[in-house]
Protein backbone atom coordinates (compact mmCIF):
# COMPACT_ATOMS: atom_id res chain seq x y z
CA MET A 1 -5.24 168.52 -37.72
CA GLN A 2 -6.95 170.67 -35.08
CA GLY A 3 -8.11 173.26 -37.63
CA HIS A 4 -9.84 170.86 -39.99
CA LYS A 5 -13.43 171.41 -41.02
CA ILE A 6 -16.09 168.72 -40.73
CA THR A 7 -16.16 166.93 -44.07
CA LYS A 8 -18.42 164.00 -43.18
CA ILE A 9 -21.63 163.87 -41.15
CA ASN A 10 -23.65 160.86 -40.07
CA ILE A 11 -27.12 161.96 -38.99
CA ALA A 12 -29.41 159.51 -37.21
CA VAL A 13 -32.74 161.13 -38.02
CA THR A 14 -34.70 158.78 -35.74
CA ASN A 15 -34.16 155.95 -33.29
CA ARG A 16 -37.40 154.30 -34.32
CA CYS A 17 -37.02 150.95 -36.03
CA ASN A 18 -39.47 148.46 -37.52
CA LEU A 19 -37.20 145.46 -36.94
CA LYS A 20 -35.85 143.77 -33.82
CA CYS A 21 -32.42 142.66 -34.97
CA ARG A 22 -30.71 140.30 -32.55
CA HIS A 23 -27.37 142.12 -32.71
CA CYS A 24 -28.81 145.62 -32.16
CA GLY A 25 -30.61 147.16 -29.19
CA ILE A 26 -31.75 150.46 -30.66
CA TRP A 27 -35.32 149.17 -31.03
CA ARG A 28 -35.51 148.62 -27.25
CA GLN A 29 -35.03 152.32 -26.46
CA ARG A 30 -38.18 153.46 -24.70
CA SER A 31 -37.89 157.11 -25.64
CA LYS A 32 -38.62 157.36 -29.36
CA MET A 33 -37.14 160.42 -31.04
CA GLU A 34 -37.16 162.12 -34.41
CA MET A 35 -34.74 164.86 -35.32
CA PRO A 36 -36.62 168.14 -35.86
CA THR A 37 -35.95 170.03 -39.08
CA ASP A 38 -34.88 173.18 -37.23
CA LEU A 39 -32.05 171.21 -35.62
CA LEU A 40 -30.93 170.01 -39.03
CA LYS A 41 -30.90 173.60 -40.31
CA ARG A 42 -28.66 174.61 -37.41
CA ILE A 43 -26.25 171.80 -38.24
CA LEU A 44 -26.08 172.75 -41.91
CA GLY A 45 -25.58 176.42 -41.08
CA SER A 46 -22.51 175.82 -38.94
CA ASN A 47 -19.21 177.41 -39.91
CA ALA A 48 -17.50 174.21 -38.72
CA LEU A 49 -18.69 172.41 -41.85
CA ALA A 50 -16.77 172.17 -45.07
CA ALA A 51 -18.51 173.71 -48.07
CA PHE A 52 -19.86 170.39 -49.30
CA PRO A 53 -19.63 167.72 -46.59
CA ASP A 54 -20.59 164.12 -47.28
CA ILE A 55 -23.89 163.54 -45.48
CA THR A 56 -25.24 160.13 -44.51
CA LEU A 57 -28.78 159.70 -43.18
CA THR A 58 -29.35 156.72 -40.94
CA GLY A 59 -31.43 155.61 -37.96
CA GLY A 60 -33.04 153.52 -36.53
CA GLU A 61 -34.85 153.26 -39.79
CA PRO A 62 -34.72 156.65 -41.56
CA PHE A 63 -37.78 155.93 -43.71
CA LEU A 64 -39.86 155.91 -40.50
CA HIS A 65 -39.20 159.63 -40.07
CA PRO A 66 -42.41 161.36 -41.19
CA LYS A 67 -40.43 164.28 -42.61
CA LEU A 68 -37.59 162.44 -44.35
CA ALA A 69 -38.53 164.10 -47.65
CA LYS A 70 -38.41 167.52 -45.97
CA ILE A 71 -35.07 166.70 -44.38
CA SER A 72 -33.66 165.69 -47.76
CA GLU A 73 -35.08 168.82 -49.38
CA ILE A 74 -33.34 170.99 -46.77
CA ILE A 75 -30.01 169.24 -47.35
CA LEU A 76 -30.29 169.47 -51.13
CA THR A 77 -31.14 173.17 -50.88
CA LYS A 78 -28.57 174.24 -48.30
CA LYS A 79 -25.75 171.82 -49.18
CA LYS A 80 -26.26 170.84 -52.80
CA ASN A 81 -24.55 167.58 -53.78
CA SER A 82 -23.85 166.70 -50.14
CA LEU A 83 -26.43 163.97 -49.57
CA LYS A 84 -24.33 160.91 -50.39
CA THR A 85 -25.85 157.95 -48.53
CA ILE A 86 -29.02 156.70 -46.90
CA VAL A 87 -28.80 153.58 -44.74
CA THR A 88 -31.96 151.48 -44.50
CA ASN A 89 -33.10 147.98 -43.62
CA GLY A 90 -34.91 147.87 -46.96
CA VAL A 91 -38.28 146.79 -45.60
CA LEU A 92 -40.46 149.84 -46.32
CA ILE A 93 -40.35 149.34 -50.07
CA ASP A 94 -43.16 151.76 -50.97
CA ASP A 95 -41.54 154.57 -48.98
CA ILE A 96 -38.11 153.81 -50.41
CA CYS A 97 -39.30 153.74 -54.02
CA GLY A 98 -41.46 156.82 -53.47
CA PHE A 99 -38.48 158.72 -52.12
CA LEU A 100 -36.20 157.64 -54.95
CA THR A 101 -38.82 158.55 -57.54
CA GLU A 102 -39.12 162.03 -56.05
CA PHE A 103 -35.42 162.72 -55.53
CA SER A 104 -33.39 160.53 -57.88
CA SER A 105 -32.94 163.27 -60.48
CA ARG A 106 -31.49 165.58 -57.82
CA LEU A 107 -29.16 163.17 -56.07
CA VAL A 108 -25.46 163.48 -56.76
CA ASP A 109 -23.66 160.98 -58.96
CA GLY A 110 -22.28 158.40 -56.59
CA PHE A 111 -25.21 158.56 -54.18
CA SER A 112 -25.69 155.12 -52.68
CA LEU A 113 -28.46 153.32 -50.86
CA HIS A 114 -27.01 151.06 -48.17
CA ILE A 115 -29.30 148.16 -47.33
CA SER A 116 -28.75 145.89 -44.34
CA PHE A 117 -28.67 142.29 -45.51
CA ASP A 118 -27.13 139.66 -43.28
CA GLY A 119 -26.93 136.65 -45.53
CA LEU A 120 -28.78 134.68 -48.18
CA SER A 121 -29.84 132.04 -45.67
CA CYS A 122 -29.42 133.80 -42.31
CA ASN A 123 -30.95 137.24 -42.73
CA GLN A 124 -34.25 136.14 -41.20
CA GLU A 125 -32.62 134.56 -38.16
CA GLN A 126 -30.55 137.66 -37.42
CA ARG A 127 -32.95 140.43 -38.47
CA GLY A 128 -36.37 138.81 -38.14
CA ILE A 129 -37.43 139.63 -41.69
CA SER A 130 -37.95 136.90 -44.26
CA ASN A 131 -35.25 136.27 -46.82
CA SER A 132 -37.84 136.06 -49.59
CA LEU A 133 -39.21 139.53 -48.79
CA MET A 134 -35.74 141.07 -48.74
CA LEU A 135 -34.78 139.43 -52.03
CA LYS A 136 -38.04 140.69 -53.54
CA ASN A 137 -37.42 144.24 -52.30
CA LEU A 138 -33.84 144.24 -53.57
CA ALA A 139 -35.08 143.13 -56.97
CA ILE A 140 -37.75 145.85 -57.05
CA ILE A 141 -35.26 148.60 -56.21
CA LYS A 142 -32.71 147.33 -58.73
CA HIS A 143 -35.31 147.04 -61.49
CA SER A 144 -36.93 150.42 -60.76
CA PHE A 145 -33.67 152.35 -60.38
CA PRO A 146 -31.04 150.49 -62.43
CA LYS A 147 -28.48 153.31 -62.19
CA LEU A 148 -28.68 153.55 -58.39
CA GLU A 149 -25.65 152.28 -56.48
CA ILE A 150 -26.87 149.70 -53.98
CA VAL A 151 -24.53 148.58 -51.22
CA LEU A 152 -25.42 145.59 -49.05
CA LYS A 153 -24.28 145.86 -45.43
CA PHE A 154 -23.56 142.48 -43.88
CA THR A 155 -22.99 142.37 -40.11
CA VAL A 156 -20.92 139.26 -39.41
CA SER A 157 -22.03 137.33 -36.32
CA ILE A 158 -21.99 133.80 -34.93
CA LEU A 159 -25.30 133.25 -36.74
CA ASN A 160 -24.25 134.04 -40.29
CA TYR A 161 -20.47 133.90 -40.73
CA HIS A 162 -20.74 130.80 -42.93
CA ASP A 163 -22.89 132.84 -45.33
CA ILE A 164 -20.15 135.33 -46.26
CA MET A 165 -19.01 133.81 -49.55
CA PRO A 166 -22.47 132.83 -50.89
CA THR A 167 -23.79 136.32 -50.15
CA TYR A 168 -20.77 137.94 -51.80
CA ARG A 169 -21.37 135.86 -54.95
CA PHE A 170 -25.03 136.84 -54.89
CA ALA A 171 -24.20 140.54 -54.57
CA CYS A 172 -21.78 140.41 -57.49
CA SER A 173 -24.27 138.54 -59.66
CA LYS A 174 -26.90 141.25 -59.10
CA GLY A 175 -24.60 144.22 -59.55
CA PHE A 176 -24.58 145.19 -55.86
CA LYS A 177 -21.59 146.24 -53.83
CA ILE A 178 -21.25 144.61 -50.42
CA LYS A 179 -19.50 145.48 -47.18
CA PHE A 180 -18.83 143.06 -44.34
CA LYS A 181 -18.56 144.39 -40.80
CA LEU A 182 -17.85 142.43 -37.64
CA ILE A 183 -20.53 142.61 -34.97
CA GLU A 184 -19.73 145.17 -32.28
CA ASN A 185 -21.18 146.60 -29.09
CA CYS A 186 -21.64 150.36 -29.52
CA GLN A 187 -23.40 151.51 -26.35
CA SER A 188 -23.72 155.16 -27.37
CA TYR A 189 -25.59 154.30 -30.56
CA THR A 190 -27.07 150.85 -31.13
CA LYS A 191 -26.88 150.09 -27.38
CA GLY A 192 -25.70 146.55 -27.91
CA SER A 193 -27.87 143.49 -27.38
CA LYS A 194 -28.06 140.64 -24.90
CA PHE A 195 -29.61 138.33 -27.48
CA ILE A 196 -26.47 137.38 -29.34
CA LYS A 197 -22.86 136.70 -28.36
CA LYS A 198 -20.44 139.34 -29.65
CA GLU A 199 -17.25 137.29 -29.29
CA PHE A 200 -16.09 134.62 -31.72
CA CYS A 201 -14.38 131.39 -30.66
CA ALA A 202 -11.13 130.30 -32.30
CA ALA A 203 -12.84 128.04 -34.84
CA GLU A 204 -15.32 130.76 -35.79
CA LYS A 205 -12.53 133.29 -36.22
CA LYS A 206 -10.59 130.90 -38.44
CA SER A 207 -13.62 130.33 -40.65
CA ILE A 208 -14.40 134.05 -40.91
CA VAL A 209 -10.78 134.90 -41.74
CA THR A 210 -10.76 132.26 -44.49
CA SER A 211 -13.97 133.66 -45.99
CA LEU A 212 -12.83 137.28 -45.76
CA GLN A 213 -9.47 136.44 -47.31
CA TRP A 214 -11.34 134.97 -50.26
CA VAL A 215 -13.47 138.12 -50.56
CA LEU A 216 -10.33 140.24 -50.22
CA LYS A 217 -8.81 138.67 -53.33
CA GLN A 218 -11.87 139.67 -55.34
CA GLU A 219 -12.11 143.19 -53.89
CA HIS A 220 -8.45 144.08 -54.51
CA ARG A 221 -9.29 144.29 -58.19
CA LYS A 222 -12.78 145.74 -57.94
CA HIS A 223 -12.87 148.04 -54.92
CA PRO A 224 -9.46 148.78 -53.34
CA GLU A 225 -10.93 150.92 -50.55
CA ASN A 226 -13.24 148.13 -49.46
CA ALA A 227 -10.29 145.74 -49.65
CA MET A 228 -8.46 147.94 -47.15
CA PHE A 229 -11.42 147.76 -44.80
CA ILE A 230 -11.67 143.98 -45.12
CA THR A 231 -7.98 143.74 -44.31
CA ARG A 232 -8.69 145.59 -41.10
CA GLN A 233 -11.43 143.12 -40.19
CA ILE A 234 -8.95 140.29 -40.67
CA TYR A 235 -6.33 142.00 -38.50
CA SER A 236 -8.94 142.45 -35.78
CA LEU A 237 -9.90 138.78 -35.84
CA LEU A 238 -6.26 137.71 -35.70
CA GLY A 239 -5.53 140.10 -32.85
CA GLU A 240 -2.87 141.85 -34.89
CA LYS A 241 -2.15 145.56 -35.09
CA ASP A 242 -2.06 147.30 -38.45
CA SER A 243 -0.52 150.54 -39.68
CA LEU A 244 -3.82 152.37 -39.83
CA SER A 245 -5.04 154.94 -37.38
CA CYS A 246 -8.41 156.58 -37.09
CA LYS A 247 -9.02 160.01 -38.58
CA THR A 248 -12.70 160.16 -37.64
CA PRO A 249 -12.35 162.74 -34.81
CA PHE A 250 -10.56 165.11 -37.20
CA GLU A 251 -13.18 165.19 -39.93
CA ARG A 252 -16.47 163.53 -39.01
CA ILE A 253 -19.35 163.92 -36.59
CA PHE A 254 -22.22 161.65 -35.62
CA VAL A 255 -25.42 163.43 -34.62
CA LEU A 256 -28.14 161.47 -32.81
CA PRO A 257 -31.85 162.38 -32.95
CA ASP A 258 -31.71 164.18 -29.59
CA GLY A 259 -28.88 166.44 -30.75
CA SER A 260 -26.03 164.58 -29.06
CA VAL A 261 -22.82 164.97 -31.05
CA TYR A 262 -19.96 162.47 -31.19
CA SER A 263 -16.70 162.62 -33.07
CA CYS A 264 -16.27 158.93 -32.22
CA LEU A 265 -19.15 156.68 -31.23
CA TYR A 266 -16.82 154.72 -28.94
CA SER A 267 -15.80 157.81 -26.95
CA LYS A 268 -17.88 160.16 -24.84
CA LYS A 269 -20.03 162.68 -26.65
CA ILE A 270 -18.38 166.01 -27.38
CA GLY A 271 -21.50 168.09 -26.84
CA SER A 272 -25.22 168.55 -27.33
CA LEU A 273 -26.95 170.82 -29.80
CA LYS A 274 -29.68 171.33 -27.21
CA ASN A 275 -27.55 173.83 -25.35
CA THR A 276 -24.81 175.06 -27.68
CA THR A 277 -23.75 175.39 -31.31
CA LEU A 278 -21.92 172.93 -33.52
CA ASP A 279 -19.16 175.51 -34.00
CA LYS A 280 -18.46 175.50 -30.26
CA ILE A 281 -18.79 171.73 -29.97
CA TRP A 282 -16.27 171.10 -32.77
CA LEU A 283 -13.72 173.36 -31.08
CA SER A 284 -14.50 172.22 -27.53
CA LYS A 285 -12.00 170.73 -25.11
CA SER A 286 -13.81 167.38 -25.30
CA ALA A 287 -13.34 167.25 -29.08
CA LYS A 288 -9.71 168.33 -28.89
CA ASP A 289 -8.93 165.79 -26.15
CA ILE A 290 -10.16 162.92 -28.32
CA ARG A 291 -8.06 164.12 -31.28
CA GLN A 292 -5.00 164.48 -29.12
CA GLU A 293 -5.46 160.98 -27.74
CA VAL A 294 -5.45 159.59 -31.29
CA ILE A 295 -2.34 161.60 -32.18
CA SER A 296 -0.51 160.50 -29.02
CA GLU A 297 -1.62 156.91 -28.70
CA GLY A 298 -3.24 155.98 -32.00
CA CYS A 299 -6.49 154.08 -32.14
CA CYS A 300 -7.44 150.80 -33.71
CA GLY A 301 -10.19 150.24 -31.20
CA CYS A 302 -13.08 149.51 -33.56
CA THR A 303 -13.73 148.11 -37.00
CA GLY A 304 -16.12 150.79 -38.22
CA TYR A 305 -16.36 151.66 -41.90
CA HIS A 306 -15.39 155.24 -41.23
CA GLY A 307 -12.18 156.90 -40.27
CA PHE A 308 -9.31 154.53 -40.93
CA ALA A 309 -6.34 155.98 -42.79
CA PRO A 310 -2.54 155.84 -42.71
CA ALA A 311 -1.39 156.73 -39.22
CA TYR A 312 -0.39 160.32 -38.57
């Protein structure tokens, strides 16, 4: 596993955000940063990358980056067919539709727009943006780009767990995919938040498990990979171990706007592109130590979308 190339990259192009979500602290960061295009070019030119890695652009809110179109152009030129996902809160509808109009003909089949949406009735309470505006924006995107794969990202918290099943039904009725993720405290990235409790009580866990088990039955037929992820959420809530172990440190990197590089957002960073190359970072002792820890001890320490696979 040590000799593997990087096949997946999550790039946070900015830490700026236009929302103040109660479960996220990234908007409270005083130093606002945008990834420069020359840094992106260095990343894409690294020999550590596979020929066509899957690239996800995220933030903060990526559509706040003034050069998002330029960033996408660079990726599509240097790593054709690699731009697979953009993660957005879906608020900046003119920017989103303008981007999709410009680039939709060049995006790879299977490109998906992931839109944060935390419940039909609770999105406003958790994210501070009105439900009616989000429903309107979702409808505009779906109508304007009917072939685009839209994935709703639902962060499950104490505020919205009772909205899991209604929101799943809504997503299916509109032709959206949906992913549910338990709220977490990721200090290296979203910085956590003091405005909402991260732990669930026994009654809350029971209710969430019941809802996710219902979703799981539907997803087994439709989207087996998502079903596997939901199963992991259920295991986590029940405090049970599963047979899956993380492969993230062997194939993926997370790059923050300041050039910090992580192979796992819950471990220390493995280097900074400010003072060295991605090639050296990927082969560094810090990166190898994290991989060896997973091989030796396994890791089921988070419930992130990425990384889980049959244990080595």
